[in-house]
Amino acid sequence: MDITQEQIPWLNKDHPNYKKWKYARDISIDRGKFVKSVITNFSACKKLRILDLGSGEGGTSAVLSENNEVVSFDISKIRLHRYAGSDCKNAVICGDALFMPFKEKSFDIIILQDVIEHLNNLERVINNLNKILSDGGIIYLSTPNKYSFINFIADPHWGAPFVSLFKRQQTKKYFLKYFRKSEVNRKDIAELLSLKKILNLFYKFFNVHLFTSHSVNELFKGNKGILWSNFHLILLKIANGLKLNKIIIKIANDKTGFANKFITPTFYFVLVKK
């Protein structure tokens, strides 16, 4: 592909987020294993047809492809090209979540790993997901929490304070315009969601199950596939140094109350089709 690294933000070594993005790629298999650890609470994860929507360079697709048929679907030809250039045995499709070329009830599981905050017209996307998901099928969903005080301090995408509260156009107008001019026209600028917004979006078609307790327990067991933001990694180091793990594990829960509304930095869900 005749494209320079400077034209690809996540491969540009001079980009402020380069180290974070590289670390996320380096632990992509660990991230996939964590996704599987959540899914197996609802499915044996064998002989299933799985759609990895926003698959990136394919770490999660690779993990789930063992004993399953996986379709890696991403809007970025570059990411898919890098994945397909490895030992990829899955179907690889480049496309837009608004126009997915799949028949009704095509998949048993759909993966939405840190992608929904980058999508437009979420109602339409969710309608599409409901159509292509089989009866009783599940969606794995992870996404940053808009109202987490941790994300107030350092937005998970940009590392700046308060940007997590911005809508997409506000991020362009008040942050990118002055601090990341080269990215002001990006089409995948994140707009974080609150717990209430997520529940409202999915309640019509899905029963929603939070997996905060599981993620916190895995985090303190040393699972490397959960954090890649420098700020979050620093907080984890501080928590371990102060031996706060037992307190944090006790606070963590899977209810829709204060802790998950305003503390939990990243939501992990399993959505079961009604």
Protein backbone atom coordinates (compact mmCIF):
# COMPACT_ATOMS: atom_id res chain seq x y z
CA MET A 1 0.00 0.00 0.00
CA ASP A 2 1.51 3.28 -1.11
CA ILE A 3 0.89 5.18 2.14
CA THR A 4 3.52 6.67 4.43
CA GLN A 5 3.51 6.13 8.19
CA GLU A 6 3.07 9.87 8.72
CA GLN A 7 -0.35 9.53 7.04
CA ILE A 8 -1.36 6.80 9.49
CA PRO A 9 -1.58 8.36 12.97
CA TRP A 10 -1.27 5.10 14.92
CA LEU A 11 1.93 4.16 13.05
CA ASN A 12 3.53 7.62 13.24
CA LYS A 13 6.26 7.50 15.89
CA ASP A 14 6.05 11.27 16.35
CA HIS A 15 2.37 11.18 17.31
CA PRO A 16 1.70 11.89 21.03
CA ASN A 17 -0.37 8.69 21.29
CA TYR A 18 2.07 6.43 19.45
CA LYS A 19 3.36 4.56 22.51
CA LYS A 20 -0.17 3.95 23.83
CA TRP A 21 -1.38 2.65 20.47
CA LYS A 22 1.70 0.48 20.04
CA TYR A 23 1.20 -0.99 23.51
CA ALA A 24 -2.45 -1.74 22.65
CA ARG A 25 -1.27 -3.60 19.53
CA ASP A 26 1.39 -5.47 21.50
CA ILE A 27 -1.21 -6.79 23.96
CA SER A 28 -3.90 -7.46 21.35
CA ILE A 29 -3.82 -11.22 21.98
CA ASP A 30 -4.16 -10.63 25.75
CA ARG A 31 -7.11 -8.34 25.01
CA GLY A 32 -8.68 -11.10 22.95
CA LYS A 33 -8.23 -13.58 25.78
CA PHE A 34 -9.97 -11.19 28.15
CA VAL A 35 -12.90 -10.83 25.72
CA LYS A 36 -13.15 -14.62 25.57
CA SER A 37 -13.10 -14.85 29.39
CA VAL A 38 -16.21 -12.65 29.49
CA ILE A 39 -18.03 -14.40 26.66
CA THR A 40 -17.56 -17.85 28.20
CA ASN A 41 -19.91 -16.83 31.00
CA PHE A 42 -22.67 -17.17 28.41
CA SER A 43 -21.29 -19.45 25.71
CA ALA A 44 -18.80 -22.30 25.36
CA CYS A 45 -17.45 -20.33 22.39
CA LYS A 46 -17.16 -23.33 20.08
CA LYS A 47 -18.49 -23.91 16.56
CA LEU A 48 -19.99 -20.43 16.41
CA ARG A 49 -20.09 -17.76 13.73
CA ILE A 50 -18.59 -14.57 15.16
CA LEU A 51 -18.43 -11.02 13.79
CA ASP A 52 -15.56 -8.93 15.12
CA LEU A 53 -16.85 -5.45 14.26
CA GLY A 54 -14.05 -2.89 14.33
CA SER A 55 -11.55 -5.73 14.44
CA GLY A 56 -8.48 -3.55 13.85
CA GLU A 57 -5.39 -5.66 13.32
CA GLY A 58 -7.11 -8.80 14.51
CA GLY A 59 -5.85 -9.84 17.95
CA THR A 60 -9.31 -10.68 19.26
CA SER A 61 -10.31 -12.29 15.94
CA ALA A 62 -7.23 -14.51 16.17
CA VAL A 63 -8.08 -15.68 19.70
CA LEU A 64 -11.74 -16.37 18.88
CA SER A 65 -10.95 -18.14 15.60
CA GLU A 66 -9.96 -21.25 17.51
CA ASN A 67 -12.95 -23.60 17.05
CA ASN A 68 -15.09 -20.80 15.57
CA GLU A 69 -15.72 -19.12 12.24
CA VAL A 70 -14.77 -15.44 12.56
CA VAL A 71 -15.40 -12.50 10.24
CA SER A 72 -13.07 -9.54 10.83
CA PHE A 73 -14.86 -6.35 9.76
CA ASP A 74 -13.24 -2.91 9.87
CA ILE A 75 -13.53 0.42 8.08
CA SER A 76 -9.74 0.70 7.82
CA LYS A 77 -8.16 -1.07 4.83
CA ILE A 78 -4.75 -0.42 6.37
CA ARG A 79 -5.51 -2.25 9.62
CA LEU A 80 -7.11 -5.15 7.76
CA HIS A 81 -4.18 -5.30 5.35
CA ARG A 82 -1.74 -5.58 8.27
CA TYR A 83 -3.85 -8.33 9.85
CA ALA A 84 -4.36 -10.25 6.59
CA GLY A 85 -0.63 -10.01 6.02
CA SER A 86 -0.07 -12.15 9.11
CA ASP A 87 -1.16 -15.78 9.46
CA CYS A 88 -4.83 -14.85 9.08
CA LYS A 89 -7.33 -17.63 8.45
CA ASN A 90 -10.51 -15.55 8.93
CA ALA A 91 -12.71 -13.76 6.45
CA VAL A 92 -11.58 -10.13 6.25
CA ILE A 93 -14.08 -7.49 5.10
CA CYS A 94 -13.61 -3.73 4.82
CA GLY A 95 -16.81 -1.79 5.29
CA ASP A 96 -18.99 0.62 7.27
CA ALA A 97 -21.12 -0.49 10.23
CA LEU A 98 -24.06 1.40 8.71
CA PHE A 99 -23.95 -0.80 5.60
CA MET A 100 -23.03 -4.31 6.70
CA PRO A 101 -23.36 -6.88 3.90
CA PHE A 102 -24.72 -9.74 6.00
CA LYS A 103 -27.95 -11.70 5.96
CA GLU A 104 -30.36 -11.77 8.89
CA LYS A 105 -29.34 -13.99 11.81
CA SER A 106 -25.87 -14.58 10.33
CA PHE A 107 -23.94 -14.50 13.63
CA ASP A 108 -24.09 -16.08 17.08
CA ILE A 109 -21.74 -13.50 18.66
CA ILE A 110 -20.81 -9.94 17.74
CA ILE A 111 -17.76 -8.21 19.22
CA LEU A 112 -17.85 -4.44 19.75
CA GLN A 113 -14.52 -3.88 21.46
CA ASP A 114 -13.86 -0.18 22.07
CA VAL A 115 -15.55 0.78 18.81
CA ILE A 116 -19.09 2.00 19.52
CA GLU A 117 -17.86 5.42 20.70
CA HIS A 118 -16.40 5.96 17.21
CA LEU A 119 -19.62 5.24 15.31
CA ASN A 120 -22.28 7.62 14.04
CA ASN A 121 -26.04 6.97 13.95
CA LEU A 122 -25.96 4.43 16.76
CA GLU A 123 -29.67 3.68 16.60
CA ARG A 124 -29.30 2.50 13.01
CA VAL A 125 -26.17 0.49 13.82
CA ILE A 126 -27.94 -1.27 16.69
CA ASN A 127 -30.93 -2.08 14.48
CA ASN A 128 -28.50 -3.63 12.00
CA LEU A 129 -26.79 -5.63 14.75
CA ASN A 130 -30.11 -6.94 16.00
CA LYS A 131 -31.03 -8.12 12.49
CA ILE A 132 -27.82 -10.01 11.81
CA LEU A 133 -27.61 -11.59 15.29
CA SER A 134 -29.21 -15.01 15.74
CA ASP A 135 -32.00 -15.60 18.26
CA GLY A 136 -30.49 -15.73 21.75
CA GLY A 137 -27.18 -14.46 20.38
CA ILE A 138 -24.88 -12.15 22.33
CA ILE A 139 -22.90 -8.97 21.84
CA TYR A 140 -19.68 -8.29 23.72
CA LEU A 141 -19.41 -4.53 24.25
CA SER A 142 -16.61 -2.53 25.82
CA THR A 143 -16.44 1.26 25.78
CA PRO A 144 -15.06 4.11 27.97
CA ASN A 145 -17.37 5.75 30.50
CA LYS A 146 -18.18 9.36 29.67
CA TYR A 147 -18.82 10.33 33.30
CA SER A 148 -15.99 8.48 35.04
CA PHE A 149 -13.96 10.94 37.10
CA ILE A 150 -10.87 9.02 35.96
CA ASN A 151 -11.65 9.90 32.35
CA PHE A 152 -12.35 13.53 33.38
CA ILE A 153 -8.71 13.79 34.43
CA ALA A 154 -7.32 12.18 31.27
CA ASP A 155 -9.51 11.33 28.31
CA PRO A 156 -8.71 7.74 27.23
CA HIS A 157 -8.23 8.74 23.58
CA TRP A 158 -6.44 12.08 23.84
CA GLY A 159 -4.99 12.10 27.35
CA ALA A 160 -6.37 15.59 28.05
CA PRO A 161 -8.71 16.67 30.89
CA PHE A 162 -12.47 17.08 30.33
CA VAL A 163 -12.42 16.04 26.66
CA SER A 164 -14.32 12.89 27.67
CA LEU A 165 -17.38 15.11 28.23
CA PHE A 166 -17.32 16.62 24.74
CA LYS A 167 -19.54 15.68 21.84
CA ARG A 168 -17.73 14.88 18.59
CA GLN A 169 -18.09 18.37 17.11
CA GLN A 170 -16.96 19.97 20.39
CA THR A 171 -13.81 17.82 20.37
CA LYS A 172 -13.06 19.10 16.87
CA LYS A 173 -13.84 22.73 17.71
CA TYR A 174 -12.29 23.11 21.15
CA PHE A 175 -9.53 20.50 21.27
CA LEU A 176 -8.35 19.24 17.88
CA LYS A 177 -8.44 22.68 16.28
CA TYR A 178 -5.82 23.95 18.75
CA PHE A 179 -3.91 20.87 19.90
CA ARG A 180 -4.13 18.24 17.11
CA LYS A 181 -4.79 20.19 13.93
CA SER A 182 -3.64 17.34 11.69
CA GLU A 183 -6.50 15.16 12.99
CA VAL A 184 -9.38 17.63 12.90
CA ASN A 185 -10.91 15.90 9.86
CA ARG A 186 -10.71 12.35 11.20
CA LYS A 187 -13.96 10.44 10.72
CA ASP A 188 -13.50 8.20 13.74
CA ILE A 189 -13.32 10.84 16.51
CA ALA A 190 -14.69 9.32 19.69
CA GLU A 191 -17.77 10.54 21.53
CA LEU A 192 -18.02 8.74 24.86
CA LEU A 193 -21.28 7.32 26.20
CA SER A 194 -22.75 7.30 29.68
CA LEU A 195 -24.17 4.19 31.33
CA LYS A 196 -27.68 5.61 30.99
CA LYS A 197 -27.19 6.26 27.27
CA ILE A 198 -25.97 2.72 26.65
CA LEU A 199 -28.89 1.19 28.53
CA ASN A 200 -31.35 3.36 26.60
CA LEU A 201 -29.78 2.40 23.27
CA PHE A 202 -29.89 -1.36 23.83
CA TYR A 203 -32.82 -2.09 26.16
CA LYS A 204 -35.33 -2.57 23.32
CA PHE A 205 -33.59 -5.60 21.82
CA PHE A 206 -31.23 -6.84 24.52
CA ASN A 207 -30.90 -7.86 28.16
CA VAL A 208 -27.83 -6.01 29.45
CA HIS A 209 -25.26 -7.57 31.82
CA LEU A 210 -22.39 -5.55 33.27
CA PHE A 211 -19.03 -7.25 33.92
CA THR A 212 -17.26 -4.70 36.11
CA SER A 213 -16.52 -7.15 38.95
CA HIS A 214 -14.98 -9.65 36.56
CA SER A 215 -12.80 -7.02 34.90
CA VAL A 216 -11.54 -5.64 38.22
CA ASN A 217 -10.71 -9.12 39.51
CA GLU A 218 -8.88 -9.94 36.28
CA LEU A 219 -7.02 -6.64 36.46
CA PHE A 220 -5.60 -7.34 39.92
CA LYS A 221 -4.77 -10.93 38.92
CA GLY A 222 -2.37 -9.40 36.42
CA ASN A 223 -4.39 -9.69 33.21
CA LYS A 224 -2.52 -7.51 30.71
CA GLY A 225 -5.39 -7.23 28.24
CA ILE A 226 -7.44 -4.65 30.11
CA LEU A 227 -5.37 -1.46 30.32
CA TRP A 228 -3.15 0.28 27.78
CA SER A 229 -3.61 3.97 28.60
CA ASN A 230 -0.49 5.33 30.35
CA PHE A 231 -2.65 7.17 32.88
CA HIS A 232 -4.64 4.04 33.73
CA LEU A 233 -1.45 1.99 34.03
CA ILE A 234 -0.03 4.58 36.44
CA LEU A 235 -3.21 4.44 38.54
CA LEU A 236 -2.96 0.65 38.66
CA LYS A 237 0.66 0.86 39.81
CA ILE A 238 -0.33 3.33 42.55
CA ALA A 239 -3.25 1.13 43.66
CA ASN A 240 -0.97 -1.91 43.89
CA GLY A 241 1.69 0.09 45.73
CA LEU A 242 -0.85 1.31 48.29
CA LYS A 243 -2.42 -2.18 48.50
CA LEU A 244 -5.85 -0.83 47.57
CA ASN A 245 -6.80 -3.87 45.53
CA LYS A 246 -9.08 -5.42 48.19
CA ILE A 247 -10.95 -2.14 48.67
CA ILE A 248 -11.39 -1.60 44.92
CA ILE A 249 -12.54 -5.20 44.40
CA LYS A 250 -15.09 -4.74 47.19
CA ILE A 251 -16.43 -1.50 45.68
CA ALA A 252 -16.64 -2.95 42.17
CA ASN A 253 -20.05 -4.36 41.29
CA ASP A 254 -22.30 -5.10 38.33
CA LYS A 255 -25.16 -2.82 39.30
CA THR A 256 -26.21 0.41 37.60
CA GLY A 257 -25.51 2.57 40.66
CA PHE A 258 -22.98 5.25 41.62
CA ALA A 259 -19.78 3.18 41.18
CA ASN A 260 -20.51 2.27 37.57
CA LYS A 261 -21.97 5.65 36.68
CA PHE A 262 -19.12 7.79 37.97
CA ILE A 263 -16.05 5.66 38.84
CA THR A 264 -15.70 2.72 36.43
CA PRO A 265 -13.47 4.01 33.58
CA THR A 266 -14.44 1.35 31.02
CA PHE A 267 -17.68 -0.58 30.72
CA TYR A 268 -17.68 -4.28 29.85
CA PHE A 269 -21.05 -5.71 28.84
CA VAL A 270 -22.65 -8.83 27.50
CA LEU A 271 -25.89 -8.05 25.67
CA VAL A 272 -28.22 -11.02 25.18
CA LYS A 273 -30.76 -10.75 22.38
CA LYS A 274 -34.30 -10.97 23.72
